[in-house]
């Protein structure tokens, strides 16, 4: 599913404009430890986290992750958004908590899989 559609389906705010929203995502990994996220990140993974700092962005850049979804309405500092734009990483923000956001993602990706069959 394209990142644009994921953001729409879960009602997330896109902070990086149109940048990266056409990336295909076929996996989602949620966590708040950089070491866990590092082991799961890939070029088709959306990272979902509470980590609202430059470390998560550096991780996404190293692993060529197309996007990061921050939960609980955590809006990053402008310099983090600017760095995400510079690297081409989509940054979206869900007002929901981790559990609810992951539930919406699960439903959305499940609907997409069923519609392809």
Protein backbone atom coordinates (compact mmCIF):
# COMPACT_ATOMS: atom_id res chain seq x y z
CA UNK A 1 0.00 0.00 0.00
CA UNK A 2 1.28 3.47 -0.75
CA UNK A 3 2.25 5.63 2.19
CA UNK A 4 -0.21 8.31 1.04
CA UNK A 5 -3.12 5.88 1.40
CA UNK A 6 -1.89 4.70 4.79
CA UNK A 7 -1.76 8.27 6.10
CA UNK A 8 -5.28 8.92 4.81
CA UNK A 9 -6.68 5.71 6.26
CA UNK A 10 -5.32 6.30 9.76
CA UNK A 11 -6.02 10.05 9.72
CA UNK A 12 -2.37 11.03 10.15
CA UNK A 13 -1.05 14.51 9.42
CA UNK A 14 1.69 14.61 6.80
CA UNK A 15 4.48 16.99 7.80
CA UNK A 16 6.71 16.61 4.74
CA UNK A 17 4.31 17.61 2.00
CA UNK A 18 4.04 15.21 -0.93
CA UNK A 19 7.54 13.92 -0.32
CA UNK A 20 7.77 10.13 -0.14
CA UNK A 21 4.03 9.53 -0.11
CA UNK A 22 4.17 7.39 -3.25
CA UNK A 23 6.50 4.87 -1.59
CA UNK A 24 5.15 1.33 -1.32
CA UNK A 25 4.91 -0.02 2.20
CA UNK A 26 4.36 -3.71 2.81
CA UNK A 27 5.45 -3.90 6.45
CA UNK A 28 4.92 -1.86 9.59
CA UNK A 29 7.02 -2.09 12.69
CA UNK A 30 6.17 -0.31 15.93
CA UNK A 31 8.55 0.21 18.81
CA UNK A 32 10.32 2.70 21.00
CA UNK A 33 13.79 1.19 21.18
CA UNK A 34 16.19 2.12 18.41
CA UNK A 35 17.79 -1.34 18.52
CA UNK A 36 14.42 -3.02 17.87
CA UNK A 37 13.56 -0.66 15.04
CA UNK A 38 16.99 -1.13 13.49
CA UNK A 39 16.51 -4.88 13.27
CA UNK A 40 13.17 -4.51 11.47
CA UNK A 41 13.64 -1.46 9.25
CA UNK A 42 13.84 -1.84 5.49
CA UNK A 43 13.13 0.11 2.32
CA UNK A 44 9.44 -0.93 2.46
CA UNK A 45 8.79 -0.58 6.20
CA UNK A 46 6.84 2.15 7.95
CA UNK A 47 8.26 2.78 11.41
CA UNK A 48 5.71 3.67 14.10
CA UNK A 49 7.12 5.17 17.28
CA UNK A 50 6.96 7.65 20.15
CA UNK A 51 10.61 8.55 19.53
CA UNK A 52 10.44 12.19 18.55
CA UNK A 53 14.13 12.88 18.03
CA UNK A 54 16.86 12.93 15.42
CA UNK A 55 17.94 9.36 16.27
CA UNK A 56 14.84 7.89 14.65
CA UNK A 57 15.45 9.97 11.55
CA UNK A 58 19.08 8.85 11.32
CA UNK A 59 17.87 5.24 11.62
CA UNK A 60 15.37 5.77 8.79
CA UNK A 61 18.08 7.30 6.64
CA UNK A 62 20.54 4.46 7.29
CA UNK A 63 17.97 1.80 6.46
CA UNK A 64 16.30 3.70 3.57
CA UNK A 65 12.97 3.50 5.37
CA UNK A 66 10.35 5.44 3.41
CA UNK A 67 8.49 6.86 6.38
CA UNK A 68 8.08 7.40 10.08
CA UNK A 69 4.76 7.67 11.90
CA UNK A 70 4.95 9.46 15.23
CA UNK A 71 2.10 8.64 17.60
CA UNK A 72 0.27 10.52 20.38
CA UNK A 73 0.27 13.69 18.31
CA UNK A 74 4.00 14.23 18.90
CA UNK A 75 5.01 16.96 16.47
CA UNK A 76 8.76 17.07 15.85
CA UNK A 77 10.90 20.18 15.93
CA UNK A 78 11.13 22.07 12.61
CA UNK A 79 14.77 21.02 12.13
CA UNK A 80 13.73 17.35 12.22
CA UNK A 81 11.08 17.96 9.58
CA UNK A 82 13.62 19.85 7.48
CA UNK A 83 16.10 16.96 7.77
CA UNK A 84 13.39 14.45 6.81
CA UNK A 85 12.60 16.50 3.71
CA UNK A 86 16.28 16.74 2.81
CA UNK A 87 16.64 12.96 2.93
CA UNK A 88 13.27 12.12 1.35
CA UNK A 89 11.75 10.45 4.41
CA UNK A 90 8.01 10.99 4.85
CA UNK A 91 7.05 12.08 8.35
CA UNK A 92 3.47 11.58 9.49
CA UNK A 93 1.81 12.12 12.87
CA UNK A 94 -1.09 10.17 14.31
CA UNK A 95 -3.06 11.77 17.14
CA UNK A 96 -3.83 8.28 18.45
CA UNK A 97 -1.62 6.26 20.77
CA UNK A 98 0.57 3.38 19.68
CA UNK A 99 -2.02 0.67 20.24
CA UNK A 100 -4.83 2.44 18.40
CA UNK A 101 -2.57 3.55 15.54
CA UNK A 102 -1.31 -0.01 15.06
CA UNK A 103 -4.90 -1.27 15.11
CA UNK A 104 -5.85 1.17 12.35
CA UNK A 105 -2.78 0.15 10.35
CA UNK A 106 -3.62 -3.53 10.76
CA UNK A 107 -7.18 -2.95 9.56
CA UNK A 108 -6.03 -0.81 6.63
CA UNK A 109 -3.42 -3.25 5.43
CA UNK A 110 -5.87 -6.13 5.90
CA UNK A 111 -8.47 -4.36 3.76
CA UNK A 112 -5.87 -3.78 1.07
CA UNK A 113 -4.87 -7.46 1.07
CA UNK A 114 -8.51 -8.59 0.81
CA UNK A 115 -9.22 -6.21 -2.06
CA UNK A 116 -6.27 -7.62 -4.03
CA UNK A 117 -7.57 -11.21 -3.79
